[in-house]
Amino acid sequence: MDRNNLLQILKTLTEMMRCPHCGEAYSLDEVQYISQVDGYCLLQVSCRKCKVPIWVNFFVEKENQKDKRESLADFKMNNLEPITVDEVIDFHETVLGFSGDFKKAFKSK
């Protein structure tokens, strides 16, 4: 992605986004570019009013990446079994008791 495209994306993001904490609009000088890998960009935006930082992750498609996207279209979700009511209840109970330990929360019962 070239500099002009990135700048246009950043301008669009700052026009669309507001701080989730105080509702303040963002400006370009509050955006910090963190990294870019395989078309995914990571930014940090810090609100000038309340100083709450947020992370923004977005994907920029390159011409040669269209082939990958089209090959993923072959994967069909229709072949999967629907989620049962019992599975939803089990997940809800797991989340209610979640302490921050993923290994403990999702181990087999």
N, C-alpha and C. Protein backbone atom coordinates (compact mmCIF):
# COMPACT_ATOMS: atom_id res chain seq x y z
N MET A 1 0.86 -1.17 0.00
CA MET A 1 0.00 0.00 0.00
C MET A 1 0.90 1.23 0.00
N ASP A 2 0.59 2.16 -0.88
CA ASP A 2 1.43 3.34 -0.95
C ASP A 2 0.97 4.40 0.06
N ARG A 3 1.81 5.39 0.23
CA ARG A 3 1.58 6.44 1.23
C ARG A 3 0.27 7.21 1.01
N ASN A 4 -0.06 7.51 -0.25
CA ASN A 4 -1.29 8.26 -0.55
C ASN A 4 -2.54 7.46 -0.19
N ASN A 5 -2.51 6.15 -0.49
CA ASN A 5 -3.66 5.30 -0.14
C ASN A 5 -3.83 5.23 1.38
N LEU A 6 -2.72 5.05 2.08
CA LEU A 6 -2.80 4.98 3.55
C LEU A 6 -3.32 6.28 4.12
N LEU A 7 -2.85 7.40 3.61
CA LEU A 7 -3.30 8.70 4.11
C LEU A 7 -4.80 8.87 3.87
N GLN A 8 -5.30 8.46 2.70
CA GLN A 8 -6.73 8.57 2.41
C GLN A 8 -7.55 7.67 3.34
N ILE A 9 -7.05 6.47 3.61
CA ILE A 9 -7.74 5.57 4.54
C ILE A 9 -7.79 6.18 5.94
N LEU A 10 -6.67 6.75 6.38
CA LEU A 10 -6.63 7.37 7.71
C LEU A 10 -7.58 8.55 7.80
N LYS A 11 -7.65 9.36 6.76
CA LYS A 11 -8.59 10.50 6.76
C LYS A 11 -10.03 10.00 6.86
N THR A 12 -10.35 8.96 6.09
CA THR A 12 -11.70 8.39 6.13
C THR A 12 -12.02 7.84 7.51
N LEU A 13 -11.08 7.11 8.11
CA LEU A 13 -11.30 6.55 9.45
C LEU A 13 -11.54 7.64 10.48
N THR A 14 -10.73 8.70 10.44
CA THR A 14 -10.89 9.76 11.44
C THR A 14 -12.19 10.52 11.24
N GLU A 15 -12.70 10.58 10.02
CA GLU A 15 -13.99 11.23 9.78
C GLU A 15 -15.14 10.37 10.30
N MET A 16 -14.99 9.06 10.22
CA MET A 16 -16.07 8.14 10.60
C MET A 16 -16.09 7.80 12.08
N MET A 17 -14.93 7.72 12.70
CA MET A 17 -14.83 7.20 14.07
C MET A 17 -14.92 8.29 15.12
N ARG A 18 -15.44 7.88 16.27
CA ARG A 18 -15.47 8.73 17.46
C ARG A 18 -14.99 7.90 18.64
N CYS A 19 -14.48 8.56 19.63
CA CYS A 19 -14.01 7.88 20.83
C CYS A 19 -15.17 7.12 21.47
N PRO A 20 -15.00 5.83 21.76
CA PRO A 20 -16.08 5.06 22.37
C PRO A 20 -16.34 5.47 23.82
N HIS A 21 -15.40 6.16 24.43
CA HIS A 21 -15.55 6.57 25.83
C HIS A 21 -16.26 7.91 25.97
N CYS A 22 -15.80 8.93 25.21
CA CYS A 22 -16.35 10.28 25.40
C CYS A 22 -17.06 10.83 24.17
N GLY A 23 -16.93 10.17 23.02
CA GLY A 23 -17.61 10.61 21.81
C GLY A 23 -16.87 11.67 21.01
N GLU A 24 -15.67 12.03 21.43
CA GLU A 24 -14.87 13.05 20.74
C GLU A 24 -14.44 12.54 19.37
N ALA A 25 -14.45 13.41 18.38
CA ALA A 25 -13.96 13.05 17.04
C ALA A 25 -12.44 12.97 17.08
N TYR A 26 -11.89 12.10 16.25
CA TYR A 26 -10.44 11.94 16.17
C TYR A 26 -9.86 12.85 15.09
N SER A 27 -8.58 13.15 15.22
CA SER A 27 -7.85 13.87 14.18
C SER A 27 -6.66 13.02 13.76
N LEU A 28 -6.08 13.34 12.62
CA LEU A 28 -4.97 12.54 12.10
C LEU A 28 -3.78 12.48 13.04
N ASP A 29 -3.54 13.54 13.80
CA ASP A 29 -2.37 13.54 14.68
C ASP A 29 -2.52 12.61 15.88
N GLU A 30 -3.70 12.04 16.07
CA GLU A 30 -3.93 11.09 17.17
C GLU A 30 -3.76 9.64 16.72
N VAL A 31 -3.51 9.44 15.44
CA VAL A 31 -3.38 8.10 14.88
C VAL A 31 -1.91 7.72 14.83
N GLN A 32 -1.61 6.53 15.36
CA GLN A 32 -0.24 6.02 15.32
C GLN A 32 -0.25 4.70 14.53
N TYR A 33 0.54 4.66 13.47
CA TYR A 33 0.68 3.45 12.66
C TYR A 33 1.53 2.46 13.44
N ILE A 34 1.03 1.24 13.66
CA ILE A 34 1.76 0.23 14.42
C ILE A 34 2.46 -0.75 13.48
N SER A 35 1.70 -1.40 12.60
CA SER A 35 2.32 -2.37 11.71
C SER A 35 1.40 -2.73 10.55
N GLN A 36 1.98 -3.47 9.60
CA GLN A 36 1.22 -4.00 8.47
C GLN A 36 1.79 -5.35 8.11
N VAL A 37 0.93 -6.37 8.03
CA VAL A 37 1.35 -7.72 7.66
C VAL A 37 0.29 -8.32 6.75
N ASP A 38 0.72 -8.79 5.59
CA ASP A 38 -0.17 -9.46 4.63
C ASP A 38 -1.44 -8.67 4.35
N GLY A 39 -1.35 -7.38 4.23
CA GLY A 39 -2.51 -6.56 3.92
C GLY A 39 -3.30 -6.10 5.13
N TYR A 40 -2.99 -6.61 6.33
CA TYR A 40 -3.66 -6.17 7.54
C TYR A 40 -2.86 -5.04 8.17
N CYS A 41 -3.53 -3.96 8.50
CA CYS A 41 -2.88 -2.81 9.13
C CYS A 41 -3.39 -2.67 10.56
N LEU A 42 -2.50 -2.31 11.45
CA LEU A 42 -2.85 -2.09 12.85
C LEU A 42 -2.48 -0.66 13.23
N LEU A 43 -3.44 0.05 13.78
CA LEU A 43 -3.25 1.43 14.21
C LEU A 43 -3.63 1.55 15.67
N GLN A 44 -3.06 2.53 16.34
CA GLN A 44 -3.52 2.90 17.68
C GLN A 44 -3.99 4.35 17.59
N VAL A 45 -5.18 4.61 18.12
CA VAL A 45 -5.73 5.96 18.13
C VAL A 45 -5.99 6.32 19.59
N SER A 46 -5.45 7.46 20.01
CA SER A 46 -5.63 7.91 21.39
C SER A 46 -6.42 9.21 21.39
N CYS A 47 -7.49 9.24 22.14
CA CYS A 47 -8.36 10.41 22.21
C CYS A 47 -7.63 11.57 22.90
N ARG A 48 -7.67 12.73 22.29
CA ARG A 48 -6.99 13.90 22.87
C ARG A 48 -7.72 14.40 24.12
N LYS A 49 -9.01 14.12 24.21
CA LYS A 49 -9.80 14.62 25.34
C LYS A 49 -9.66 13.74 26.58
N CYS A 50 -9.95 12.44 26.43
CA CYS A 50 -9.95 11.55 27.60
C CYS A 50 -8.76 10.60 27.64
N LYS A 51 -7.93 10.61 26.58
CA LYS A 51 -6.70 9.81 26.51
C LYS A 51 -6.93 8.30 26.41
N VAL A 52 -8.16 7.86 26.12
CA VAL A 52 -8.44 6.42 26.00
C VAL A 52 -7.89 5.93 24.66
N PRO A 53 -7.00 4.93 24.67
CA PRO A 53 -6.47 4.39 23.41
C PRO A 53 -7.36 3.28 22.87
N ILE A 54 -7.47 3.21 21.57
CA ILE A 54 -8.15 2.08 20.92
C ILE A 54 -7.24 1.56 19.82
N TRP A 55 -7.44 0.30 19.45
CA TRP A 55 -6.68 -0.32 18.38
C TRP A 55 -7.62 -0.51 17.20
N VAL A 56 -7.14 -0.19 16.02
CA VAL A 56 -7.92 -0.35 14.80
C VAL A 56 -7.16 -1.30 13.90
N ASN A 57 -7.83 -2.36 13.49
CA ASN A 57 -7.24 -3.35 12.58
C ASN A 57 -8.09 -3.37 11.33
N PHE A 58 -7.49 -3.19 10.17
CA PHE A 58 -8.25 -3.23 8.93
C PHE A 58 -7.44 -3.93 7.85
N PHE A 59 -8.16 -4.39 6.85
CA PHE A 59 -7.53 -5.15 5.76
C PHE A 59 -7.54 -4.32 4.49
N VAL A 60 -6.40 -4.26 3.83
CA VAL A 60 -6.28 -3.59 2.55
C VAL A 60 -5.98 -4.66 1.51
N GLU A 61 -6.92 -4.87 0.61
CA GLU A 61 -6.78 -5.93 -0.38
C GLU A 61 -5.83 -5.50 -1.49
N LYS A 62 -4.90 -6.36 -1.80
CA LYS A 62 -3.99 -6.13 -2.93
C LYS A 62 -4.51 -6.92 -4.11
N GLU A 63 -4.09 -6.55 -5.28
CA GLU A 63 -4.55 -7.23 -6.50
C GLU A 63 -4.28 -8.74 -6.45
N ASN A 64 -3.09 -9.14 -5.99
CA ASN A 64 -2.74 -10.56 -5.98
C ASN A 64 -3.42 -11.31 -4.84
N GLN A 65 -4.11 -10.64 -3.95
CA GLN A 65 -4.80 -11.31 -2.85
C GLN A 65 -6.23 -11.70 -3.23
N LYS A 66 -6.74 -11.20 -4.35
CA LYS A 66 -8.10 -11.55 -4.77
C LYS A 66 -8.23 -13.05 -5.01
N ASP A 67 -7.18 -13.67 -5.54
CA ASP A 67 -7.22 -15.11 -5.79
C ASP A 67 -7.44 -15.88 -4.49
N LYS A 68 -6.77 -15.47 -3.41
CA LYS A 68 -6.93 -16.14 -2.12
C LYS A 68 -8.37 -16.03 -1.64
N ARG A 69 -8.97 -14.84 -1.78
CA ARG A 69 -10.34 -14.63 -1.32
C ARG A 69 -11.30 -15.51 -2.09
N GLU A 70 -11.13 -15.61 -3.40
CA GLU A 70 -12.01 -16.43 -4.20
C GLU A 70 -11.87 -17.91 -3.86
N SER A 71 -10.67 -18.36 -3.53
CA SER A 71 -10.50 -19.76 -3.16
C SER A 71 -11.16 -20.05 -1.81
N LEU A 72 -11.24 -19.05 -0.94
CA LEU A 72 -11.93 -19.24 0.33
C LEU A 72 -13.44 -19.36 0.15
N ALA A 73 -13.96 -18.87 -0.97
CA ALA A 73 -15.39 -18.96 -1.23
C ALA A 73 -15.84 -20.41 -1.38
N ASP A 74 -14.90 -21.30 -1.66
CA ASP A 74 -15.24 -22.72 -1.78
C ASP A 74 -15.64 -23.33 -0.45
N PHE A 75 -15.18 -22.74 0.65
CA PHE A 75 -15.53 -23.23 1.97
C PHE A 75 -16.99 -22.88 2.25
N LYS A 76 -17.78 -23.87 2.59
CA LYS A 76 -19.21 -23.64 2.78
C LYS A 76 -19.59 -23.88 4.23
N MET A 77 -20.25 -22.90 4.80
CA MET A 77 -20.73 -23.03 6.17
C MET A 77 -21.98 -23.91 6.23
N ASN A 78 -22.62 -24.12 5.09
CA ASN A 78 -23.88 -24.87 5.06
C ASN A 78 -23.72 -26.32 5.51
N ASN A 79 -22.52 -26.85 5.47
CA ASN A 79 -22.30 -28.24 5.83
C ASN A 79 -22.20 -28.44 7.34
N LEU A 80 -22.20 -27.38 8.10
CA LEU A 80 -22.06 -27.47 9.55
C LEU A 80 -23.41 -27.69 10.21
N GLU A 81 -23.38 -28.40 11.32
CA GLU A 81 -24.59 -28.63 12.09
C GLU A 81 -25.01 -27.34 12.80
N PRO A 82 -26.30 -27.07 12.92
CA PRO A 82 -26.73 -25.88 13.66
C PRO A 82 -26.37 -26.00 15.14
N ILE A 83 -26.17 -24.89 15.78
CA ILE A 83 -25.87 -24.86 17.22
C ILE A 83 -27.15 -25.17 17.97
N THR A 84 -27.05 -26.04 18.95
CA THR A 84 -28.24 -26.44 19.72
C THR A 84 -28.46 -25.49 20.89
N VAL A 85 -29.65 -25.53 21.44
CA VAL A 85 -29.97 -24.73 22.61
C VAL A 85 -29.07 -25.11 23.79
N ASP A 86 -28.82 -26.41 23.95
CA ASP A 86 -27.95 -26.86 25.04
C ASP A 86 -26.53 -26.30 24.90
N GLU A 87 -26.03 -26.23 23.67
CA GLU A 87 -24.69 -25.67 23.45
C GLU A 87 -24.65 -24.18 23.82
N VAL A 88 -25.71 -23.46 23.50
CA VAL A 88 -25.78 -22.04 23.85
C VAL A 88 -25.81 -21.88 25.37
N ILE A 89 -26.58 -22.70 26.04
CA ILE A 89 -26.67 -22.65 27.51
C ILE A 89 -25.32 -22.99 28.13
N ASP A 90 -24.65 -24.04 27.63
CA ASP A 90 -23.33 -24.41 28.14
C ASP A 90 -22.33 -23.27 27.97
N PHE A 91 -22.35 -22.64 26.81
CA PHE A 91 -21.43 -21.53 26.56
C PHE A 91 -21.74 -20.36 27.51
N HIS A 92 -23.01 -20.07 27.69
CA HIS A 92 -23.42 -18.99 28.59
C HIS A 92 -22.92 -19.25 30.02
N GLU A 93 -23.08 -20.48 30.50
CA GLU A 93 -22.61 -20.82 31.84
C GLU A 93 -21.08 -20.72 31.94
N THR A 94 -20.39 -21.11 30.87
CA THR A 94 -18.93 -20.99 30.85
C THR A 94 -18.50 -19.54 30.94
N VAL A 95 -19.15 -18.67 30.18
CA VAL A 95 -18.81 -17.25 30.18
C VAL A 95 -19.12 -16.61 31.54
N LEU A 96 -20.22 -17.01 32.16
CA LEU A 96 -20.57 -16.45 33.47
C LEU A 96 -19.50 -16.74 34.51
N GLY A 97 -18.90 -17.92 34.41
CA GLY A 97 -17.88 -18.30 35.39
C GLY A 97 -16.46 -18.00 34.92
N PHE A 98 -16.31 -17.25 33.85
CA PHE A 98 -14.99 -16.99 33.27
C PHE A 98 -14.15 -16.10 34.19
N SER A 99 -12.94 -16.58 34.49
CA SER A 99 -12.06 -15.85 35.41
C SER A 99 -10.87 -15.22 34.69
N GLY A 100 -10.78 -15.41 33.39
CA GLY A 100 -9.64 -14.90 32.64
C GLY A 100 -8.67 -15.99 32.25
N ASP A 101 -8.88 -17.21 32.74
CA ASP A 101 -8.01 -18.34 32.43
C ASP A 101 -8.66 -19.16 31.31
N PHE A 102 -8.20 -18.96 30.06
CA PHE A 102 -8.81 -19.63 28.93
C PHE A 102 -8.64 -21.14 28.98
N LYS A 103 -7.49 -21.63 29.42
CA LYS A 103 -7.27 -23.07 29.49
C LYS A 103 -8.27 -23.72 30.44
N LYS A 104 -8.51 -23.10 31.58
CA LYS A 104 -9.43 -23.64 32.57
C LYS A 104 -10.87 -23.53 32.07
N ALA A 105 -11.23 -22.42 31.45
CA ALA A 105 -12.60 -22.18 31.01
C ALA A 105 -13.05 -23.12 29.92
N PHE A 106 -12.12 -23.50 29.01
CA PHE A 106 -12.53 -24.29 27.86
C PHE A 106 -12.04 -25.73 27.89
N LYS A 107 -11.59 -26.20 29.05
CA LYS A 107 -11.20 -27.61 29.14
C LYS A 107 -12.45 -28.47 29.10
N SER A 108 -12.29 -29.70 28.67
CA SER A 108 -13.44 -30.62 28.56
C SER A 108 -14.01 -30.88 29.93
N LYS A 109 -15.34 -30.94 29.98
CA LYS A 109 -16.02 -31.19 31.25
C LYS A 109 -16.15 -32.67 31.50
